[in-house]
PDB file of N, CA and C in Angstrom:
ATOM      1  N   MET A   1     -35.963  46.577 -59.031  1.00  0.00           N
ATOM      2  CA  MET A   1     -35.012  47.488 -59.612  1.00  0.00           C
ATOM      3  C   MET A   1     -34.232  46.740 -60.686  1.00  0.00           C
ATOM      4  N   SER A   2     -34.031  47.351 -61.832  1.00  0.00           N
ATOM      5  CA  SER A   2     -33.354  46.668 -62.932  1.00  0.00           C
ATOM      6  C   SER A   2     -31.843  46.844 -62.835  1.00  0.00           C
ATOM      7  N   ASN A   3     -31.153  45.894 -63.434  1.00  0.00           N
ATOM      8  CA  ASN A   3     -29.699  45.944 -63.433  1.00  0.00           C
ATOM      9  C   ASN A   3     -29.190  46.974 -64.421  1.00  0.00           C
ATOM     10  N   LYS A   4     -28.019  47.475 -64.121  1.00  0.00           N
ATOM     11  CA  LYS A   4     -27.361  48.473 -64.949  1.00  0.00           C
ATOM     12  C   LYS A   4     -26.166  47.804 -65.624  1.00  0.00           C
ATOM     13  N   GLN A   5     -25.929  48.131 -66.878  1.00  0.00           N
ATOM     14  CA  GLN A   5     -24.768  47.616 -67.603  1.00  0.00           C
ATOM     15  C   GLN A   5     -23.572  48.522 -67.313  1.00  0.00           C
ATOM     16  N   VAL A   6     -22.503  47.933 -66.816  1.00  0.00           N
ATOM     17  CA  VAL A   6     -21.288  48.687 -66.518  1.00  0.00           C
ATOM     18  C   VAL A   6     -20.146  48.039 -67.286  1.00  0.00           C
ATOM     19  N   GLU A   7     -19.439  48.833 -68.075  1.00  0.00           N
ATOM     20  CA  GLU A   7     -18.295  48.327 -68.821  1.00  0.00           C
ATOM     21  C   GLU A   7     -17.024  48.862 -68.180  1.00  0.00           C
ATOM     22  N   VAL A   8     -16.085  47.946 -67.943  1.00  0.00           N
ATOM     23  CA  VAL A   8     -14.821  48.304 -67.305  1.00  0.00           C
ATOM     24  C   VAL A   8     -13.678  47.686 -68.099  1.00  0.00           C
ATOM     25  N   ASN A   9     -12.475  48.134 -67.811  1.00  0.00           N
ATOM     26  CA  ASN A   9     -11.271  47.551 -68.395  1.00  0.00           C
ATOM     27  C   ASN A   9     -10.406  47.011 -67.276  1.00  0.00           C
ATOM     28  N   ILE A  10      -9.980  45.773 -67.439  1.00  0.00           N
ATOM     29  CA  ILE A  10      -9.068  45.150 -66.487  1.00  0.00           C
ATOM     30  C   ILE A  10      -7.883  44.636 -67.289  1.00  0.00           C
ATOM     31  N   ALA A  11      -6.711  45.132 -66.971  1.00  0.00           N
ATOM     32  CA  ALA A  11      -5.480  44.759 -67.677  1.00  0.00           C
ATOM     33  C   ALA A  11      -5.633  44.937 -69.183  1.00  0.00           C
ATOM     34  N   GLY A  12      -6.301  46.018 -69.562  1.00  0.00           N
ATOM     35  CA  GLY A  12      -6.451  46.340 -70.968  1.00  0.00           C
ATOM     36  C   GLY A  12      -7.548  45.582 -71.693  1.00  0.00           C
ATOM     37  N   GLN A  13      -8.279  44.750 -70.985  1.00  0.00           N
ATOM     38  CA  GLN A  13      -9.352  43.964 -71.599  1.00  0.00           C
ATOM     39  C   GLN A  13     -10.702  44.497 -71.137  1.00  0.00           C
ATOM     40  N   PRO A  14     -11.654  44.670 -72.056  1.00  0.00           N
ATOM     41  CA  PRO A  14     -12.977  45.159 -71.653  1.00  0.00           C
ATOM     42  C   PRO A  14     -13.832  44.032 -71.064  1.00  0.00           C
ATOM     43  N   TYR A  15     -14.584  44.369 -70.034  1.00  0.00           N
ATOM     44  CA  TYR A  15     -15.526  43.442 -69.402  1.00  0.00           C
ATOM     45  C   TYR A  15     -16.817  44.199 -69.149  1.00  0.00           C
ATOM     46  N   ARG A  16     -17.926  43.503 -69.306  1.00  0.00           N
ATOM     47  CA  ARG A  16     -19.231  44.120 -69.067  1.00  0.00           C
ATOM     48  C   ARG A  16     -19.928  43.357 -67.942  1.00  0.00           C
ATOM     49  N   PHE A  17     -20.488  44.116 -67.000  1.00  0.00           N
ATOM     50  CA  PHE A  17     -21.204  43.540 -65.864  1.00  0.00           C
ATOM     51  C   PHE A  17     -22.620  44.094 -65.827  1.00  0.00           C
ATOM     52  N   ALA A  18     -23.563  43.244 -65.471  1.00  0.00           N
ATOM     53  CA  ALA A  18     -24.934  43.685 -65.210  1.00  0.00           C
ATOM     54  C   ALA A  18     -25.110  43.639 -63.698  1.00  0.00           C
ATOM     55  N   ILE A  19     -25.257  44.815 -63.084  1.00  0.00           N
ATOM     56  CA  ILE A  19     -25.334  44.881 -61.623  1.00  0.00           C
ATOM     57  C   ILE A  19     -26.433  45.841 -61.202  1.00  0.00           C
ATOM     58  N   ALA A  20     -26.850  45.689 -59.951  1.00  0.00           N
ATOM     59  CA  ALA A  20     -27.798  46.636 -59.376  1.00  0.00           C
ATOM     60  C   ALA A  20     -27.078  47.975 -59.219  1.00  0.00           C
ATOM     61  N   PRO A  21     -27.754  49.081 -59.505  1.00  0.00           N
ATOM     62  CA  PRO A  21     -27.101  50.395 -59.434  1.00  0.00           C
ATOM     63  C   PRO A  21     -26.427  50.677 -58.089  1.00  0.00           C
ATOM     64  N   GLU A  22     -27.014  50.194 -57.006  1.00  0.00           N
ATOM     65  CA  GLU A  22     -26.425  50.475 -55.690  1.00  0.00           C
ATOM     66  C   GLU A  22     -25.113  49.713 -55.462  1.00  0.00           C
ATOM     67  N   ASN A  23     -24.795  48.749 -56.320  1.00  0.00           N
ATOM     68  CA  ASN A  23     -23.552  47.987 -56.185  1.00  0.00           C
ATOM     69  C   ASN A  23     -22.438  48.482 -57.109  1.00  0.00           C
ATOM     70  N   GLU A  24     -22.715  49.523 -57.878  1.00  0.00           N
ATOM     71  CA  GLU A  24     -21.736  49.990 -58.861  1.00  0.00           C
ATOM     72  C   GLU A  24     -20.443  50.472 -58.203  1.00  0.00           C
ATOM     73  N   ALA A  25     -20.529  51.227 -57.142  1.00  0.00           N
ATOM     74  CA  ALA A  25     -19.320  51.753 -56.495  1.00  0.00           C
ATOM     75  C   ALA A  25     -18.438  50.618 -55.985  1.00  0.00           C
ATOM     76  N   ALA A  26     -19.048  49.602 -55.386  1.00  0.00           N
ATOM     77  CA  ALA A  26     -18.276  48.462 -54.884  1.00  0.00           C
ATOM     78  C   ALA A  26     -17.623  47.703 -56.035  1.00  0.00           C
ATOM     79  N   LEU A  27     -18.355  47.540 -57.137  1.00  0.00           N
ATOM     80  CA  LEU A  27     -17.794  46.871 -58.310  1.00  0.00           C
ATOM     81  C   LEU A  27     -16.592  47.646 -58.837  1.00  0.00           C
ATOM     82  N   LEU A  28     -16.727  48.953 -58.977  1.00  0.00           N
ATOM     83  CA  LEU A  28     -15.631  49.768 -59.508  1.00  0.00           C
ATOM     84  C   LEU A  28     -14.414  49.727 -58.587  1.00  0.00           C
ATOM     85  N   GLU A  29     -14.650  49.672 -57.292  1.00  0.00           N
ATOM     86  CA  GLU A  29     -13.545  49.562 -56.335  1.00  0.00           C
ATOM     87  C   GLU A  29     -12.833  48.215 -56.502  1.00  0.00           C
ATOM     88  N   ALA A  30     -13.614  47.145 -56.663  1.00  0.00           N
ATOM     89  CA  ALA A  30     -13.033  45.817 -56.873  1.00  0.00           C
ATOM     90  C   ALA A  30     -12.270  45.759 -58.191  1.00  0.00           C
ATOM     91  N   VAL A  31     -12.840  46.343 -59.237  1.00  0.00           N
ATOM     92  CA  VAL A  31     -12.175  46.376 -60.545  1.00  0.00           C
ATOM     93  C   VAL A  31     -10.837  47.098 -60.429  1.00  0.00           C
ATOM     94  N   ALA A  32     -10.812  48.215 -59.735  1.00  0.00           N
ATOM     95  CA  ALA A  32      -9.566  48.972 -59.574  1.00  0.00           C
ATOM     96  C   ALA A  32      -8.512  48.133 -58.849  1.00  0.00           C
ATOM     97  N   LEU A  33      -8.928  47.407 -57.822  1.00  0.00           N
ATOM     98  CA  LEU A  33      -8.003  46.555 -57.077  1.00  0.00           C
ATOM     99  C   LEU A  33      -7.432  45.460 -57.972  1.00  0.00           C
ATOM    100  N   VAL A  34      -8.302  44.768 -58.694  1.00  0.00           N
ATOM    101  CA  VAL A  34      -7.860  43.682 -59.575  1.00  0.00           C
ATOM    102  C   VAL A  34      -6.976  44.228 -60.700  1.00  0.00           C
ATOM    103  N   ASP A  35      -7.376  45.329 -61.306  1.00  0.00           N
ATOM    104  CA  ASP A  35      -6.597  45.919 -62.392  1.00  0.00           C
ATOM    105  C   ASP A  35      -5.203  46.312 -61.910  1.00  0.00           C
ATOM    106  N   THR A  36      -5.132  46.957 -60.769  1.00  0.00           N
ATOM    107  CA  THR A  36      -3.837  47.364 -60.207  1.00  0.00           C
ATOM    108  C   THR A  36      -2.957  46.151 -59.941  1.00  0.00           C
ATOM    109  N   GLN A  37      -3.546  45.128 -59.319  1.00  0.00           N
ATOM    110  CA  GLN A  37      -2.782  43.926 -58.984  1.00  0.00           C
ATOM    111  C   GLN A  37      -2.295  43.219 -60.248  1.00  0.00           C
ATOM    112  N   MET A  38      -3.168  43.109 -61.242  1.00  0.00           N
ATOM    113  CA  MET A  38      -2.772  42.440 -62.489  1.00  0.00           C
ATOM    114  C   MET A  38      -1.674  43.209 -63.211  1.00  0.00           C
ATOM    115  N   ASN A  39      -1.786  44.524 -63.266  1.00  0.00           N
ATOM    116  CA  ASN A  39      -0.751  45.323 -63.931  1.00  0.00           C
ATOM    117  C   ASN A  39       0.570  45.229 -63.190  1.00  0.00           C
ATOM    118  N   LYS A  40       0.512  45.226 -61.870  1.00  0.00           N
ATOM    119  CA  LYS A  40       1.731  45.103 -61.070  1.00  0.00           C
ATOM    120  C   LYS A  40       2.404  43.757 -61.335  1.00  0.00           C
ATOM    121  N   LEU A  41       1.605  42.693 -61.359  1.00  0.00           N
ATOM    122  CA  LEU A  41       2.166  41.366 -61.609  1.00  0.00           C
ATOM    123  C   LEU A  41       2.666  41.227 -63.040  1.00  0.00           C
ATOM    124  N   ARG A  42       1.932  41.764 -63.976  1.00  0.00           N
ATOM    125  CA  ARG A  42       2.327  41.664 -65.385  1.00  0.00           C
ATOM    126  C   ARG A  42       3.656  42.382 -65.611  1.00  0.00           C
ATOM    127  N   ASN A  43       3.828  43.537 -64.985  1.00  0.00           N
ATOM    128  CA  ASN A  43       5.053  44.317 -65.173  1.00  0.00           C
ATOM    129  C   ASN A  43       6.215  43.787 -64.346  1.00  0.00           C
ATOM    130  N   GLY A  44       5.920  43.061 -63.265  1.00  0.00           N
ATOM    131  CA  GLY A  44       6.984  42.618 -62.370  1.00  0.00           C
ATOM    132  C   GLY A  44       7.396  41.172 -62.535  1.00  0.00           C
ATOM    133  N   THR A  45       6.751  40.434 -63.435  1.00  0.00           N
ATOM    134  CA  THR A  45       7.093  39.026 -63.628  1.00  0.00           C
ATOM    135  C   THR A  45       7.220  38.726 -65.111  1.00  0.00           C
ATOM    136  N   ALA A  46       7.684  37.515 -65.384  1.00  0.00           N
ATOM    137  CA  ALA A  46       7.803  37.080 -66.778  1.00  0.00           C
ATOM    138  C   ALA A  46       6.457  36.625 -67.329  1.00  0.00           C
ATOM    139  N   ALA A  47       5.476  36.422 -66.454  1.00  0.00           N
ATOM    140  CA  ALA A  47       4.158  35.956 -66.901  1.00  0.00           C
ATOM    141  C   ALA A  47       3.478  37.061 -67.692  1.00  0.00           C
ATOM    142  N   LYS A  48       3.130  36.765 -68.930  1.00  0.00           N
ATOM    143  CA  LYS A  48       2.501  37.773 -69.775  1.00  0.00           C
ATOM    144  C   LYS A  48       1.088  37.385 -70.191  1.00  0.00           C
ATOM    145  N   GLY A  49       0.726  36.113 -70.092  1.00  0.00           N
ATOM    146  CA  GLY A  49      -0.617  35.692 -70.471  1.00  0.00           C
ATOM    147  C   GLY A  49      -1.643  36.247 -69.499  1.00  0.00           C
ATOM    148  N   VAL A  50      -2.741  36.773 -70.034  1.00  0.00           N
ATOM    149  CA  VAL A  50      -3.770  37.395 -69.196  1.00  0.00           C
ATOM    150  C   VAL A  50      -4.330  36.400 -68.185  1.00  0.00           C
ATOM    151  N   GLU A  51      -4.590  35.163 -68.620  1.00  0.00           N
ATOM    152  CA  GLU A  51      -5.147  34.171 -67.696  1.00  0.00           C
ATOM    153  C   GLU A  51      -4.183  33.877 -66.558  1.00  0.00           C
ATOM    154  N   ARG A  52      -2.926  33.711 -66.881  1.00  0.00           N
ATOM    155  CA  ARG A  52      -1.926  33.408 -65.848  1.00  0.00           C
ATOM    156  C   ARG A  52      -1.801  34.573 -64.865  1.00  0.00           C
ATOM    157  N   VAL A  53      -1.752  35.775 -65.381  1.00  0.00           N
ATOM    158  CA  VAL A  53      -1.662  36.956 -64.521  1.00  0.00           C
ATOM    159  C   VAL A  53      -2.924  37.081 -63.670  1.00  0.00           C
ATOM    160  N   ALA A  54      -4.094  36.772 -64.248  1.00  0.00           N
ATOM    161  CA  ALA A  54      -5.353  36.845 -63.501  1.00  0.00           C
ATOM    162  C   ALA A  54      -5.349  35.864 -62.337  1.00  0.00           C
ATOM    163  N   VAL A  55      -4.863  34.646 -62.571  1.00  0.00           N
ATOM    164  CA  VAL A  55      -4.796  33.651 -61.496  1.00  0.00           C
ATOM    165  C   VAL A  55      -3.832  34.119 -60.414  1.00  0.00           C
ATOM    166  N   MET A  56      -2.684  34.639 -60.818  1.00  0.00           N
ATOM    167  CA  MET A  56      -1.716  35.135 -59.842  1.00  0.00           C
ATOM    168  C   MET A  56      -2.306  36.289 -59.034  1.00  0.00           C
ATOM    169  N   ALA A  57      -3.034  37.188 -59.687  1.00  0.00           N
ATOM    170  CA  ALA A  57      -3.669  38.306 -58.987  1.00  0.00           C
ATOM    171  C   ALA A  57      -4.726  37.800 -58.018  1.00  0.00           C
ATOM    172  N   ALA A  58      -5.527  36.822 -58.448  1.00  0.00           N
ATOM    173  CA  ALA A  58      -6.564  36.264 -57.576  1.00  0.00           C
ATOM    174  C   ALA A  58      -5.945  35.635 -56.337  1.00  0.00           C
ATOM    175  N   ILE A  59      -4.863  34.903 -56.513  1.00  0.00           N
ATOM    176  CA  ILE A  59      -4.196  34.279 -55.372  1.00  0.00           C
ATOM    177  C   ILE A  59      -3.616  35.339 -54.446  1.00  0.00           C
ATOM    178  N   SER A  60      -3.027  36.372 -54.997  1.00  0.00           N
ATOM    179  CA  SER A  60      -2.469  37.453 -54.185  1.00  0.00           C
ATOM    180  C   SER A  60      -3.557  38.156 -53.376  1.00  0.00           C
ATOM    181  N   ILE A  61      -4.678  38.460 -54.019  1.00  0.00           N
ATOM    182  CA  ILE A  61      -5.785  39.140 -53.336  1.00  0.00           C
ATOM    183  C   ILE A  61      -6.386  38.230 -52.270  1.00  0.00           C
ATOM    184  N   ALA A  62      -6.567  36.942 -52.598  1.00  0.00           N
ATOM    185  CA  ALA A  62      -7.109  35.991 -51.622  1.00  0.00           C
ATOM    186  C   ALA A  62      -6.169  35.850 -50.431  1.00  0.00           C
ATOM    187  N   SER A  63      -4.875  35.833 -50.694  1.00  0.00           N
ATOM    188  CA  SER A  63      -3.889  35.748 -49.616  1.00  0.00           C
ATOM    189  C   SER A  63      -3.983  36.961 -48.693  1.00  0.00           C
ATOM    190  N   ASP A  64      -4.118  38.146 -49.280  1.00  0.00           N
ATOM    191  CA  ASP A  64      -4.282  39.364 -48.477  1.00  0.00           C
ATOM    192  C   ASP A  64      -5.545  39.295 -47.629  1.00  0.00           C
ATOM    193  N   LEU A  65      -6.639  38.820 -48.216  1.00  0.00           N
ATOM    194  CA  LEU A  65      -7.902  38.696 -47.491  1.00  0.00           C
ATOM    195  C   LEU A  65      -7.763  37.729 -46.323  1.00  0.00           C
ATOM    196  N   LEU A  66      -7.157  36.573 -46.565  1.00  0.00           N
ATOM    197  CA  LEU A  66      -6.973  35.592 -45.496  1.00  0.00           C
ATOM    198  C   LEU A  66      -6.081  36.143 -44.387  1.00  0.00           C
ATOM    199  N   SER A  67      -5.054  36.878 -44.750  1.00  0.00           N
ATOM    200  CA  SER A  67      -4.176  37.489 -43.740  1.00  0.00           C
ATOM    201  C   SER A  67      -4.944  38.473 -42.871  1.00  0.00           C
ATOM    202  N   MET A  68      -5.794  39.288 -43.501  1.00  0.00           N
ATOM    203  CA  MET A  68      -6.594  40.248 -42.730  1.00  0.00           C
ATOM    204  C   MET A  68      -7.568  39.531 -41.810  1.00  0.00           C
ATOM    205  N   GLN A  69      -8.181  38.434 -42.295  1.00  0.00           N
ATOM    206  CA  GLN A  69      -9.113  37.684 -41.459  1.00  0.00           C
ATOM    207  C   GLN A  69      -8.394  37.077 -40.262  1.00  0.00           C
ATOM    208  N   ARG A  70      -7.210  36.498 -40.492  1.00  0.00           N
ATOM    209  CA  ARG A  70      -6.434  35.926 -39.386  1.00  0.00           C
ATOM    210  C   ARG A  70      -6.050  37.005 -38.379  1.00  0.00           C
ATOM    211  N   LYS A  71      -5.657  38.167 -38.874  1.00  0.00           N
ATOM    212  CA  LYS A  71      -5.271  39.267 -37.993  1.00  0.00           C
ATOM    213  C   LYS A  71      -6.454  39.711 -37.142  1.00  0.00           C
ATOM    214  N   GLN A  72      -7.638  39.823 -37.745  1.00  0.00           N
ATOM    215  CA  GLN A  72      -8.831  40.210 -36.990  1.00  0.00           C
ATOM    216  C   GLN A  72      -9.129  39.194 -35.904  1.00  0.00           C
ATOM    217  N   GLN A  73      -9.041  37.910 -36.232  1.00  0.00           N
ATOM    218  CA  GLN A  73      -9.321  36.877 -35.242  1.00  0.00           C
ATOM    219  C   GLN A  73      -8.286  36.908 -34.128  1.00  0.00           C
ATOM    220  N   ALA A  74      -7.027  37.128 -34.475  1.00  0.00           N
ATOM    221  CA  ALA A  74      -5.971  37.191 -33.467  1.00  0.00           C
ATOM    222  C   ALA A  74      -6.141  38.390 -32.548  1.00  0.00           C
ATOM    223  N   GLU A  75      -6.708  39.462 -33.064  1.00  0.00           N
ATOM    224  CA  GLU A  75      -6.920  40.666 -32.261  1.00  0.00           C
ATOM    225  C   GLU A  75      -8.202  40.589 -31.446  1.00  0.00           C
ATOM    226  N   GLY A  76      -8.855  39.442 -31.476  1.00  0.00           N
ATOM    227  CA  GLY A  76     -10.040  39.270 -30.655  1.00  0.00           C
ATOM    228  C   GLY A  76     -11.343  39.594 -31.338  1.00  0.00           C
ATOM    229  N   ALA A  77     -11.330  39.760 -32.636  1.00  0.00           N
ATOM    230  CA  ALA A  77     -12.585  39.999 -33.342  1.00  0.00           C
ATOM    231  C   ALA A  77     -13.438  38.742 -33.250  1.00  0.00           C
ATOM    232  N   ILE A  78     -14.708  38.919 -33.031  1.00  0.00           N
ATOM    233  CA  ILE A  78     -15.615  37.791 -32.901  1.00  0.00           C
ATOM    234  C   ILE A  78     -16.049  37.361 -34.299  1.00  0.00           C
ATOM    235  N   PRO A  79     -15.882  36.075 -34.622  1.00  0.00           N
ATOM    236  CA  PRO A  79     -16.320  35.602 -35.935  1.00  0.00           C
ATOM    237  C   PRO A  79     -17.827  35.758 -36.113  1.00  0.00           C
ATOM    238  N   VAL A  80     -18.245  36.007 -37.329  1.00  0.00           N
ATOM    239  CA  VAL A  80     -19.658  36.222 -37.646  1.00  0.00           C
ATOM    240  C   VAL A  80     -20.498  35.028 -37.224  1.00  0.00           C
ATOM    241  N   ASP A  81     -19.997  33.809 -37.424  1.00  0.00           N
ATOM    242  CA  ASP A  81     -20.764  32.618 -37.052  1.00  0.00           C
ATOM    243  C   ASP A  81     -21.049  32.588 -35.554  1.00  0.00           C
ATOM    244  N   ALA A  82     -20.092  33.021 -34.749  1.00  0.00           N
ATOM    245  CA  ALA A  82     -20.305  33.053 -33.306  1.00  0.00           C
ATOM    246  C   ALA A  82     -21.365  34.084 -32.939  1.00  0.00           C
ATOM    247  N   ILE A  83     -21.365  35.207 -33.626  1.00  0.00           N
ATOM    248  CA  ILE A  83     -22.381  36.236 -33.376  1.00  0.00           C
ATOM    249  C   ILE A  83     -23.754  35.707 -33.749  1.00  0.00           C
ATOM    250  N   ARG A  84     -23.856  35.049 -34.893  1.00  0.00           N
ATOM    251  CA  ARG A  84     -25.150  34.487 -35.314  1.00  0.00           C
ATOM    252  C   ARG A  84     -25.651  33.451 -34.317  1.00  0.00           C
ATOM    253  N   ALA A  85     -24.762  32.584 -33.851  1.00  0.00           N
ATOM    254  CA  ALA A  85     -25.156  31.558 -32.882  1.00  0.00           C
ATOM    255  C   ALA A  85     -25.643  32.199 -31.592  1.00  0.00           C
ATOM    256  N   ARG A  86     -24.964  33.229 -31.146  1.00  0.00           N
ATOM    257  CA  ARG A  86     -25.367  33.920 -29.909  1.00  0.00           C
ATOM    258  C   ARG A  86     -26.722  34.597 -30.093  1.00  0.00           C
ATOM    259  N   ILE A  87     -26.960  35.205 -31.246  1.00  0.00           N
ATOM    260  CA  ILE A  87     -28.256  35.838 -31.521  1.00  0.00           C
ATOM    261  C   ILE A  87     -29.360  34.792 -31.504  1.00  0.00           C
ATOM    262  N   ARG A  88     -29.119  33.630 -32.130  1.00  0.00           N
ATOM    263  CA  ARG A  88     -30.129  32.556 -32.117  1.00  0.00           C
ATOM    264  C   ARG A  88     -30.422  32.104 -30.691  1.00  0.00           C
ATOM    265  N   GLU A  89     -29.365  31.951 -29.893  1.00  0.00           N
ATOM    266  CA  GLU A  89     -29.530  31.531 -28.501  1.00  0.00           C
ATOM    267  C   GLU A  89     -30.365  32.545 -27.721  1.00  0.00           C
ATOM    268  N   LEU A  90     -30.049  33.816 -27.862  1.00  0.00           N
ATOM    269  CA  LEU A  90     -30.805  34.856 -27.156  1.00  0.00           C
ATOM    270  C   LEU A  90     -32.241  34.927 -27.649  1.00  0.00           C
ATOM    271  N   ASN A  91     -32.443  34.736 -28.933  1.00  0.00           N
ATOM    272  CA  ASN A  91     -33.785  34.740 -29.497  1.00  0.00           C
ATOM    273  C   ASN A  91     -34.602  33.577 -28.936  1.00  0.00           C
ATOM    274  N   ASP A  92     -33.996  32.389 -28.846  1.00  0.00           N
ATOM    275  CA  ASP A  92     -34.684  31.229 -28.275  1.00  0.00           C
ATOM    276  C   ASP A  92     -35.052  31.476 -26.812  1.00  0.00           C
ATOM    277  N   ARG A  93     -34.141  32.067 -26.067  1.00  0.00           N
ATOM    278  CA  ARG A  93     -34.428  32.365 -24.653  1.00  0.00           C
ATOM    279  C   ARG A  93     -35.551  33.382 -24.527  1.00  0.00           C
ATOM    280  N   ALA A  94     -35.553  34.389 -25.400  1.00  0.00           N
ATOM    281  CA  ALA A  94     -36.619  35.393 -25.368  1.00  0.00           C
ATOM    282  C   ALA A  94     -37.955  34.756 -25.722  1.00  0.00           C
ATOM    283  N   ASP A  95     -37.972  33.869 -26.727  1.00  0.00           N
ATOM    284  CA  ASP A  95     -39.210  33.167 -27.096  1.00  0.00           C
ATOM    285  C   ASP A  95     -39.735  32.353 -25.925  1.00  0.00           C
ATOM    286  N   GLU A  96     -38.853  31.644 -25.242  1.00  0.00           N
ATOM    287  CA  GLU A  96     -39.266  30.831 -24.092  1.00  0.00           C
ATOM    288  C   GLU A  96     -39.820  31.714 -22.978  1.00  0.00           C
ATOM    289  N   ALA A  97     -39.170  32.836 -22.711  1.00  0.00           N
ATOM    290  CA  ALA A  97     -39.660  33.750 -21.675  1.00  0.00           C
ATOM    291  C   ALA A  97     -41.032  34.301 -22.048  1.00  0.00           C
ATOM    292  N   LEU A  98     -41.237  34.626 -23.315  1.00  0.00           N
ATOM    293  CA  LEU A  98     -42.543  35.128 -23.759  1.00  0.00           C
ATOM    294  C   LEU A  98     -43.619  34.057 -23.633  1.00  0.00           C
ATOM    295  N   ARG A  99     -43.278  32.800 -23.952  1.00  0.00           N
ATOM    296  CA  ARG A  99     -44.250  31.710 -23.800  1.00  0.00           C
ATOM    297  C   ARG A  99     -44.649  31.547 -22.338  1.00  0.00           C
ATOM    298  N   GLN A 100     -43.654  31.591 -21.453  1.00  0.00           N
ATOM    299  CA  GLN A 100     -43.950  31.453 -20.024  1.00  0.00           C
ATOM    300  C   GLN A 100     -44.778  32.633 -19.532  1.00  0.00           C
ATOM    301  N   TYR A 101     -44.476  33.817 -19.972  1.00  0.00           N
ATOM    302  CA  TYR A 101     -45.222  35.008 -19.576  1.00  0.00           C
ATOM    303  C   TYR A 101     -46.660  34.920 -20.063  1.00  0.00           C
ATOM    304  N   ALA A 102     -46.865  34.428 -21.273  1.00  0.00           N
ATOM    305  CA  ALA A 102     -48.216  34.304 -21.825  1.00  0.00           C
ATOM    306  C   ALA A 102     -49.033  33.318 -21.019  1.00  0.00           C
ATOM    307  N   HIS A 103     -48.414  32.246 -20.531  1.00  0.00           N
ATOM    308  CA  HIS A 103     -49.135  31.251 -19.750  1.00  0.00           C
ATOM    309  C   HIS A 103     -49.450  31.740 -18.341  1.00  0.00           C
ATOM    310  N   VAL A 104     -48.659  32.630 -17.792  1.00  0.00           N
ATOM    311  CA  VAL A 104     -48.923  33.187 -16.460  1.00  0.00           C
ATOM    312  C   VAL A 104     -50.243  33.940 -16.480  1.00  0.00           C
ATOM    313  N   GLY A 105     -50.498  34.677 -17.525  1.00  0.00           N
ATOM    314  CA  GLY A 105     -51.730  35.464 -17.631  1.00  0.00           C
ATOM    315  C   GLY A 105     -52.972  34.611 -17.772  1.00  0.00           C
ATOM    316  N   THR A 106     -52.837  33.401 -18.320  1.00  0.00           N
ATOM    317  CA  THR A 106     -54.004  32.538 -18.528  1.00  0.00           C
ATOM    318  C   THR A 106     -54.154  31.514 -17.425  1.00  0.00           C
ATOM    319  N   GLY A 107     -53.174  31.413 -16.550  1.00  0.00           N
ATOM    320  CA  GLY A 107     -53.250  30.452 -15.465  1.00  0.00           C
ATOM    321  C   GLY A 107     -52.841  29.056 -15.893  1.00  0.00           C
ATOM    322  N   THR A 108     -52.363  28.885 -17.109  1.00  0.00           N
ATOM    323  CA  THR A 108     -51.901  27.573 -17.571  1.00  0.00           C
ATOM    324  C   THR A 108     -50.392  27.561 -17.624  1.00  0.00           C
ATOM    325  N   ARG A 109     -49.834  26.415 -17.728  1.00  0.00           N
ATOM    326  CA  ARG A 109     -48.374  26.281 -17.776  1.00  0.00           C
ATOM    327  C   ARG A 109     -48.023  25.481 -19.023  1.00  0.00           C
ATOM    328  N   GLY A 110     -47.056  25.902 -19.806  1.00  0.00           N
ATOM    329  CA  GLY A 110     -46.768  25.190 -21.036  1.00  0.00           C
ATOM    330  C   GLY A 110     -45.434  24.806 -21.190  1.00  0.00           C
TER     331      GLY A 110
END
């Protein structure tokens, strides 16, 4: 599938992205979040340079993301790495059980 050219405006500046069509909605949602945050910071602080406002917006968004991750972990959400490790463990146990089952039918033990 070929990429689609999407042009957006963030803090009054045009940006062009080449993305897969199925990712366009997520991109537009992210653009709206960044644009809103940058405009809020630009209007609420003395910082007027686009780069400075962009860095401040990135830090604000990253801070929000980290807060949500900490909250999920505190509420007992299982981290993705733990889920992956558990899946690998169960997969290994299933493989071992299948190997043992296969040897029972042949009369050999492995």
